[in-house]
Amino acid sequence: MTAAQSAVLVAGLSGQVGQGFAEATLSDTLDGTGRFDLRAVVRRRLRTNLGGLSAAGGRITQLVGDVTTPSWALNDAALEQLSDIRAIVNLAGIVDWTASQAEMDRINYLGAVTGYELARTLSERLGRAVPYLYASTAYVAGTLGGRIPEQQHAPHPDRTPYELSKWFAERHLLRAASKTGHPVLIARIGGVIGSAATRSTTRFSSLYQLVAPLSRGQLPLLPVQSGARVDILPRDVVGEGLVRLLSRGAATDFRDWRGGVLVHLCAGEYAPTLAALLALLDSKDVEHRYRPPRLVTVSPRALRLGENLTLKYARWNRELGNRLYGLRYVSMDRVFERVRLVEHTGGWAPEVDADTVLDVAFGLDYARPTDDFAGLPMGRFV
């Protein structure tokens, strides 16, 4: 794909992953990848600097729409202007983990379905298949440990409302793609921090919020499994992965996407342990801005029981509730396999060292942002 010949319709460009995708799309440094313009669906109003719009040189245009509405609320006149669209990318999602199941389903599940239906509609209009890339989460695995395969997971009772909404979205898309043969790729993404290149961020990560002081104190102890890993990547690395998936797909006419495919866009076996990260943070934080909590090793069964009691049967404010949900994603010993990711990117997989993760997540080599993000949920998308 080249910028002069094709474009991608994308939702969720204002979130952390969306920013990374825009940065990677506009970058001239990715060897072996095609270039394309972005048609960004935005909710309610146009944005002044969406995805670095001021530096995009006209390569990002905006359309007002709504991912929860059929055709993303784009009327016939708007659809007529999309003849150059080569793929649809859905990065939109709500990740305030304290939100209701209904709100989670409305954005994360219904938005996934309407995006797929829009891809089918455009395919019929244009007389060619318009592939659909949907950003899910690696955490649909729920409380599964060990090696997590790139395949659909079976139902189980320990998923949170967020995980459940994404699980249902994946299930629907894979079932629909298997029936129609439409090219669909689901990219499961783990934790996301700011840009490794620019050190900018839209929101602080779950890892940061577990270590940073609360408004009324700090989490002194963190119950975790032995060997718990933190699978987290800078947003520009995630964005590069998405661009490579699209470029590789285009080079093969997206034939490997037909019928639906799942990949883990994660750190995988390179994910460091939480214990190693906190020890490294303690040694690098020369200004003593952070006080890493003490880790308490518990069994997987005890961890699941504690989570169920804490998250299902107790009420928390938004700040503490999101931190407790965030603990879930750094407390388990598991590795997200990336075999299919390597296949669908032409041999590429992200490798980010622990120093970079800490520097980006905690601002150890640049000035701390002056904006107050305390009231924001731990966001990855929108």
Protein backbone atom coordinates (compact mmCIF):
# COMPACT_ATOMS: atom_id res chain seq x y z
CA MET A 1 0.00 0.00 0.00
CA THR A 2 1.21 3.50 -0.79
CA ALA A 3 -0.01 6.81 0.53
CA ALA A 4 -0.95 8.02 -2.94
CA GLN A 5 -3.11 5.00 -3.74
CA SER A 6 -4.77 3.81 -0.55
CA ALA A 7 -6.13 4.71 2.84
CA VAL A 8 -7.21 2.99 6.03
CA LEU A 9 -10.44 3.80 7.87
CA VAL A 10 -9.64 3.81 11.58
CA ALA A 11 -11.57 4.32 14.83
CA GLY A 12 -9.96 5.01 18.20
CA LEU A 13 -7.10 7.19 17.01
CA SER A 14 -7.23 9.43 20.09
CA GLY A 15 -6.23 6.70 22.55
CA GLN A 16 -2.79 5.40 23.47
CA VAL A 17 -2.75 2.65 20.84
CA GLY A 18 -4.32 4.99 18.30
CA GLN A 19 -1.57 7.54 18.86
CA GLY A 20 1.04 4.85 18.37
CA PHE A 21 -0.65 3.66 15.17
CA ALA A 22 -0.75 7.20 13.79
CA GLU A 23 2.90 7.77 14.67
CA ALA A 24 3.94 4.54 12.97
CA THR A 25 1.79 5.27 9.92
CA LEU A 26 3.34 8.72 9.48
CA SER A 27 6.88 7.48 10.12
CA ASP A 28 9.37 7.20 7.29
CA THR A 29 11.67 4.89 9.26
CA LEU A 30 9.84 1.55 8.93
CA ASP A 31 11.65 -0.48 6.31
CA GLY A 32 9.70 -2.95 4.22
CA THR A 33 6.25 -1.49 5.02
CA GLY A 34 3.79 0.26 2.78
CA ARG A 35 2.46 3.75 3.43
CA PHE A 36 -1.16 4.79 3.58
CA ASP A 37 -3.34 7.71 4.60
CA LEU A 38 -5.78 7.59 7.52
CA ARG A 39 -9.49 8.36 7.52
CA ALA A 40 -10.23 8.73 11.22
CA VAL A 41 -13.74 8.28 12.63
CA VAL A 42 -14.16 10.64 15.59
CA ARG A 43 -17.08 10.98 17.97
CA ARG A 44 -19.21 14.14 18.08
CA ARG A 45 -16.64 16.68 16.87
CA LEU A 46 -13.45 17.14 14.90
CA ARG A 47 -10.21 17.16 16.92
CA THR A 48 -7.44 19.73 16.67
CA ASN A 49 -4.43 17.42 16.95
CA LEU A 50 -5.73 13.91 16.46
CA GLY A 51 -2.85 11.46 16.16
CA GLY A 52 -0.40 14.32 15.66
CA LEU A 53 -2.64 15.92 13.04
CA SER A 54 -0.58 19.11 12.90
CA ALA A 55 2.42 17.15 11.63
CA ALA A 56 0.49 14.76 9.39
CA GLY A 57 0.79 16.85 6.24
CA GLY A 58 -2.78 16.11 5.15
CA ARG A 59 -2.44 12.35 5.60
CA ILE A 60 -5.09 12.22 8.35
CA THR A 61 -8.65 13.33 7.63
CA GLN A 62 -11.56 13.11 10.05
CA LEU A 63 -15.13 11.86 9.77
CA VAL A 64 -17.64 12.37 12.58
CA GLY A 65 -19.24 9.05 13.46
CA ASP A 66 -20.05 6.57 16.23
CA VAL A 67 -18.71 3.01 16.44
CA THR A 68 -21.81 1.81 18.31
CA THR A 69 -24.07 2.71 15.35
CA PRO A 70 -24.51 0.73 12.11
CA SER A 71 -21.97 1.81 9.48
CA TRP A 72 -20.36 3.81 12.30
CA ALA A 73 -23.03 6.48 11.63
CA LEU A 74 -21.50 7.28 8.22
CA ASN A 75 -24.22 8.19 5.71
CA ASP A 76 -24.28 7.28 2.02
CA ALA A 77 -22.50 10.49 1.05
CA ALA A 78 -19.66 9.72 3.47
CA LEU A 79 -19.42 6.12 2.30
CA GLU A 80 -19.16 7.29 -1.30
CA GLN A 81 -15.97 9.14 -0.34
CA LEU A 82 -14.29 5.93 0.87
CA SER A 83 -13.47 4.36 -2.49
CA ASP A 84 -9.74 4.38 -1.65
CA ILE A 85 -10.15 2.46 1.61
CA ARG A 86 -8.07 -0.73 1.65
CA ALA A 87 -8.77 -1.82 5.23
CA ILE A 88 -10.72 -0.93 8.37
CA VAL A 89 -8.88 -0.77 11.70
CA ASN A 90 -10.88 -0.66 14.94
CA LEU A 91 -8.80 0.54 17.89
CA ALA A 92 -11.77 1.98 19.80
CA GLY A 93 -12.61 0.61 23.21
CA ILE A 94 -13.47 1.59 26.76
CA VAL A 95 -10.92 0.53 29.34
CA ASP A 96 -12.19 2.17 32.49
CA TRP A 97 -12.24 -1.20 34.19
CA THR A 98 -14.79 0.03 36.75
CA ALA A 99 -17.38 0.78 34.04
CA SER A 100 -20.59 -1.26 33.89
CA GLN A 101 -20.92 -4.42 31.83
CA ALA A 102 -23.50 -2.63 29.67
CA GLU A 103 -21.10 0.20 28.84
CA MET A 104 -18.28 -2.25 28.17
CA ASP A 105 -20.46 -4.26 25.81
CA ARG A 106 -21.72 -1.16 24.01
CA ILE A 107 -18.23 0.01 23.02
CA ASN A 108 -16.07 -3.11 23.07
CA TYR A 109 -18.53 -5.67 21.73
CA LEU A 110 -21.08 -3.72 19.68
CA GLY A 111 -18.33 -1.51 18.25
CA ALA A 112 -16.45 -4.59 17.07
CA VAL A 113 -19.55 -5.99 15.38
CA THR A 114 -20.51 -2.74 13.62
CA GLY A 115 -16.93 -2.41 12.36
CA TYR A 116 -17.06 -5.86 10.81
CA GLU A 117 -20.44 -5.13 9.22
CA LEU A 118 -19.06 -1.87 7.82
CA ALA A 119 -16.17 -3.79 6.25
CA ARG A 120 -18.69 -6.11 4.62
CA THR A 121 -20.78 -3.17 3.40
CA LEU A 122 -17.78 -1.43 1.85
CA SER A 123 -16.70 -4.70 0.25
CA GLU A 124 -20.07 -4.97 -1.49
CA ARG A 125 -19.96 -1.33 -2.59
CA LEU A 126 -16.42 -1.49 -3.95
CA GLY A 127 -16.55 -4.98 -5.44
CA ARG A 128 -13.49 -6.14 -3.50
CA ALA A 129 -12.80 -7.39 0.01
CA VAL A 130 -12.07 -4.71 2.61
CA PRO A 131 -10.16 -6.47 5.43
CA TYR A 132 -10.97 -5.80 9.07
CA LEU A 133 -8.36 -5.48 11.84
CA TYR A 134 -9.76 -5.42 15.37
CA ALA A 135 -7.69 -4.56 18.45
CA SER A 136 -8.58 -6.88 21.31
CA THR A 137 -6.72 -7.53 24.54
CA ALA A 138 -4.37 -10.31 25.57
CA TYR A 139 -6.27 -10.33 28.85
CA VAL A 140 -9.24 -12.19 27.39
CA ALA A 141 -7.18 -15.08 28.77
CA GLY A 142 -8.71 -14.21 32.14
CA THR A 143 -6.84 -16.07 34.86
CA LEU A 144 -5.14 -18.61 32.58
CA GLY A 145 -1.46 -19.09 33.34
CA GLY A 146 1.51 -20.69 31.62
CA ARG A 147 1.87 -20.38 27.85
CA ILE A 148 -1.15 -18.67 26.30
CA PRO A 149 -1.79 -19.75 22.68
CA GLU A 150 -2.98 -17.52 19.85
CA GLN A 151 -6.38 -19.13 19.61
CA GLN A 152 -9.90 -18.61 20.84
CA HIS A 153 -10.26 -19.22 24.57
CA ALA A 154 -12.96 -21.33 26.15
CA PRO A 155 -15.51 -19.69 28.46
CA HIS A 156 -14.80 -19.60 32.18
CA PRO A 157 -16.34 -17.75 35.15
CA ASP A 158 -13.38 -15.61 36.23
CA ARG A 159 -13.39 -12.98 33.47
CA THR A 160 -13.98 -9.35 34.39
CA PRO A 161 -16.62 -7.26 32.54
CA TYR A 162 -13.84 -5.77 30.39
CA GLU A 163 -12.38 -9.16 29.50
CA LEU A 164 -15.82 -10.60 28.87
CA SER A 165 -16.80 -7.83 26.45
CA LYS A 166 -13.63 -8.44 24.42
CA TRP A 167 -14.08 -12.21 24.59
CA PHE A 168 -17.59 -11.95 23.13
CA ALA A 169 -16.30 -9.59 20.43
CA GLU A 170 -13.61 -12.07 19.41
CA ARG A 171 -16.08 -14.94 19.42
CA HIS A 172 -18.53 -13.07 17.19
CA LEU A 173 -15.87 -11.95 14.70
CA LEU A 174 -14.26 -15.36 14.36
CA ARG A 175 -17.60 -17.07 13.92
CA ALA A 176 -18.71 -14.55 11.28
CA ALA A 177 -15.38 -14.69 9.43
CA SER A 178 -15.39 -18.48 9.36
CA LYS A 179 -18.83 -18.47 7.73
CA THR A 180 -18.15 -15.77 5.14
CA GLY A 181 -14.42 -16.17 4.51
CA HIS A 182 -14.00 -12.43 5.01
CA PRO A 183 -10.42 -11.36 5.90
CA VAL A 184 -10.37 -10.56 9.63
CA LEU A 185 -7.38 -10.25 11.95
CA ILE A 186 -7.70 -9.84 15.71
CA ALA A 187 -4.62 -8.35 17.37
CA ARG A 188 -4.55 -9.07 21.09
CA ILE A 189 -2.57 -6.30 22.75
CA GLY A 190 -1.11 -6.39 26.26
CA GLY A 191 -0.21 -3.42 28.43
CA VAL A 192 0.69 -0.18 26.67
CA ILE A 193 2.83 2.73 27.84
CA GLY A 194 3.86 5.99 26.15
CA SER A 195 6.14 6.40 23.17
CA ALA A 196 9.70 5.08 23.41
CA ALA A 197 10.70 7.56 20.70
CA THR A 198 9.13 10.78 22.02
CA ARG A 199 8.49 9.84 25.68
CA SER A 200 4.99 11.35 25.35
CA THR A 201 1.91 9.63 26.78
CA THR A 202 -1.84 10.11 26.79
CA ARG A 203 -2.35 8.35 30.13
CA PHE A 204 -0.26 6.71 32.78
CA SER A 205 -0.10 2.92 32.62
CA SER A 206 -1.42 0.35 35.07
CA LEU A 207 2.17 -0.42 36.08
CA TYR A 208 2.78 3.24 36.95
CA GLN A 209 -0.44 3.55 38.93
CA LEU A 210 0.36 0.51 41.04
CA VAL A 211 3.59 2.15 42.21
CA ALA A 212 2.58 5.83 42.29
CA PRO A 213 0.95 7.10 45.50
CA LEU A 214 -2.82 7.05 45.78
CA SER A 215 -4.68 10.22 46.73
CA ARG A 216 -5.18 8.62 50.16
CA GLY A 217 -2.05 6.52 50.45
CA GLN A 218 -0.36 3.72 48.53
CA LEU A 219 -0.76 0.00 47.99
CA PRO A 220 1.87 -1.32 50.45
CA LEU A 221 1.68 -4.98 49.39
CA LEU A 222 1.02 -6.65 46.07
CA PRO A 223 -0.10 -10.32 46.11
CA VAL A 224 1.33 -12.05 43.04
CA GLN A 225 2.15 -15.48 41.69
CA SER A 226 5.74 -16.62 41.77
CA GLY A 227 7.40 -15.47 38.54
CA ALA A 228 4.63 -12.98 37.68
CA ARG A 229 5.40 -11.20 34.40
CA VAL A 230 4.60 -7.73 33.10
CA ASP A 231 3.73 -7.86 29.39
CA ILE A 232 3.89 -4.22 28.35
CA LEU A 233 5.06 -2.35 25.24
CA PRO A 234 5.55 1.29 24.20
CA ARG A 235 2.74 2.57 22.03
CA ASP A 236 4.98 3.28 19.03
CA VAL A 237 6.14 -0.35 19.07
CA VAL A 238 2.51 -1.51 19.13
CA GLY A 239 1.77 0.92 16.31
CA GLU A 240 4.65 -0.49 14.28
CA GLY A 241 3.26 -3.97 14.77
CA LEU A 242 -0.16 -2.92 13.48
CA VAL A 243 1.38 -1.26 10.42
CA ARG A 244 3.46 -4.36 9.70
CA LEU A 245 0.39 -6.59 9.99
CA LEU A 246 -1.44 -4.42 7.46
CA SER A 247 1.52 -4.18 5.09
CA ARG A 248 2.21 -7.91 5.18
CA GLY A 249 -1.48 -8.60 4.68
CA ALA A 250 -1.64 -6.28 1.68
CA ALA A 251 1.43 -7.92 0.14
CA THR A 252 -0.40 -11.27 0.17
CA ASP A 253 -3.82 -9.83 -0.75
CA PHE A 254 -4.90 -10.64 2.83
CA ARG A 255 -5.45 -14.28 1.90
CA ASP A 256 -4.03 -15.44 5.26
CA TRP A 257 -6.64 -13.33 7.07
CA ARG A 258 -9.57 -15.06 5.39
CA GLY A 259 -11.75 -16.94 7.81
CA GLY A 260 -10.30 -15.05 10.78
CA VAL A 261 -6.93 -15.15 12.55
CA LEU A 262 -5.68 -14.24 16.04
CA VAL A 263 -2.23 -12.88 16.92
CA HIS A 264 -0.62 -11.67 20.15
CA LEU A 265 0.93 -8.23 19.68
CA CYS A 266 2.76 -8.54 22.99
CA ALA A 267 6.21 -8.75 24.56
CA GLY A 268 5.75 -12.51 24.92
CA GLU A 269 8.83 -14.33 26.19
CA TYR A 270 10.64 -10.98 26.52
CA ALA A 271 8.22 -9.76 29.19
CA PRO A 272 10.21 -9.16 32.40
CA THR A 273 9.08 -10.38 35.79
CA LEU A 274 7.41 -7.87 38.08
CA ALA A 275 10.04 -8.53 40.75
CA ALA A 276 12.87 -7.70 38.34
CA LEU A 277 11.13 -4.52 37.16
CA LEU A 278 10.53 -3.22 40.67
CA ALA A 279 14.11 -4.03 41.72
CA LEU A 280 15.42 -2.18 38.67
CA LEU A 281 13.09 0.74 39.39
CA ASP A 282 14.39 0.97 42.94
CA SER A 283 17.97 1.15 41.67
CA LYS A 284 17.28 3.66 38.87
CA ASP A 285 15.04 6.02 40.80
CA VAL A 286 17.85 8.20 42.15
CA GLU A 287 15.41 10.97 43.07
CA HIS A 288 13.39 8.53 45.20
CA ARG A 289 10.10 9.55 43.63
CA TYR A 290 8.64 6.06 43.92
CA ARG A 291 8.40 3.52 46.70
CA PRO A 292 7.85 0.12 45.10
CA PRO A 293 5.46 -2.02 47.14
CA ARG A 294 6.53 -5.32 48.64
CA LEU A 295 5.53 -8.41 46.68
CA VAL A 296 3.83 -11.25 48.53
CA THR A 297 3.85 -14.60 46.71
CA VAL A 298 0.55 -16.49 46.79
CA SER A 299 -0.78 -19.55 45.00
CA PRO A 300 -2.84 -19.17 41.79
CA ARG A 301 -5.92 -20.44 43.65
CA ALA A 302 -5.49 -17.96 46.48
CA LEU A 303 -4.96 -15.15 43.99
CA ARG A 304 -8.17 -16.02 42.11
CA LEU A 305 -10.14 -16.24 45.35
CA GLY A 306 -8.81 -12.88 46.53
CA GLU A 307 -9.59 -11.25 43.20
CA ASN A 308 -13.14 -12.60 43.19
CA LEU A 309 -13.79 -11.29 46.68
CA THR A 310 -12.15 -7.94 45.97
CA LEU A 311 -13.44 -7.20 42.47
CA LYS A 312 -16.84 -8.90 42.41
CA TYR A 313 -18.20 -8.34 45.90
CA ALA A 314 -16.76 -5.00 47.00
CA ARG A 315 -17.38 -1.47 45.76
CA TRP A 316 -14.45 0.86 45.12
CA ASN A 317 -14.02 4.36 43.84
CA ARG A 318 -12.75 4.75 40.29
CA GLU A 319 -9.13 5.38 41.25
CA LEU A 320 -8.65 2.44 43.58
CA GLY A 321 -10.90 0.16 41.54
CA ASN A 322 -8.80 0.64 38.41
CA ARG A 323 -5.61 0.00 40.36
CA LEU A 324 -6.97 -3.25 41.73
CA TYR A 325 -7.96 -4.35 38.24
CA GLY A 326 -4.51 -3.29 37.04
CA LEU A 327 -2.89 -5.55 39.64
CA ARG A 328 -4.62 -8.50 37.97
CA TYR A 329 -2.58 -7.93 34.81
CA VAL A 330 0.85 -7.93 36.43
CA SER A 331 0.29 -10.64 39.05
CA MET A 332 0.29 -13.81 36.93
CA ASP A 333 3.06 -16.01 35.56
CA ARG A 334 2.26 -16.46 31.88
CA VAL A 335 3.74 -15.97 28.43
CA PHE A 336 1.68 -14.90 25.45
CA GLU A 337 2.86 -16.91 22.45
CA ARG A 338 3.71 -14.96 19.27
CA VAL A 339 4.19 -17.59 16.56
CA ARG A 340 1.32 -16.31 14.45
CA LEU A 341 2.39 -12.71 14.96
CA VAL A 342 5.77 -13.52 13.43
CA GLU A 343 4.07 -15.30 10.53
CA HIS A 344 1.75 -12.39 9.79
CA THR A 345 4.40 -9.67 10.03
CA GLY A 346 6.97 -11.40 7.85
CA GLY A 347 9.30 -12.33 10.70
CA TRP A 348 8.97 -9.29 12.99
CA ALA A 349 8.22 -9.40 16.72
CA PRO A 350 8.77 -6.67 19.33
CA GLU A 351 11.77 -6.82 21.65
CA VAL A 352 11.86 -4.09 24.31
CA ASP A 353 14.27 -4.19 27.25
CA ALA A 354 13.28 -3.54 30.85
CA ASP A 355 15.24 -0.28 31.00
CA THR A 356 13.16 1.19 28.19
CA VAL A 357 9.93 0.05 29.82
CA LEU A 358 10.87 1.74 33.09
CA ASP A 359 12.16 4.91 31.46
CA VAL A 360 8.94 5.37 29.50
CA ALA A 361 6.52 4.22 32.21
CA PHE A 362 8.06 6.19 35.06
CA GLY A 363 9.74 9.12 33.34
CA LEU A 364 13.18 8.26 34.68
CA ASP A 365 15.10 9.98 31.89
CA TYR A 366 12.83 12.96 31.21
CA ALA A 367 10.81 15.50 33.13
CA ARG A 368 7.58 14.28 34.66
CA PRO A 369 4.44 15.49 32.82
CA THR A 370 2.90 18.54 34.44
CA ASP A 371 -0.67 17.50 33.61
CA ASP A 372 -2.63 15.80 36.37
CA PHE A 373 -3.79 12.40 35.14
CA ALA A 374 -4.97 11.16 38.53
CA GLY A 375 -8.64 11.32 37.57
CA LEU A 376 -8.25 9.35 34.36
CA PRO A 377 -8.76 5.60 34.05
CA MET A 378 -5.83 3.46 33.01
CA GLY A 379 -6.43 3.81 29.30
CA ARG A 380 -5.02 1.99 26.29
CA PHE A 381 -7.48 2.93 23.58
CA VAL A 382 -10.12 5.63 23.99
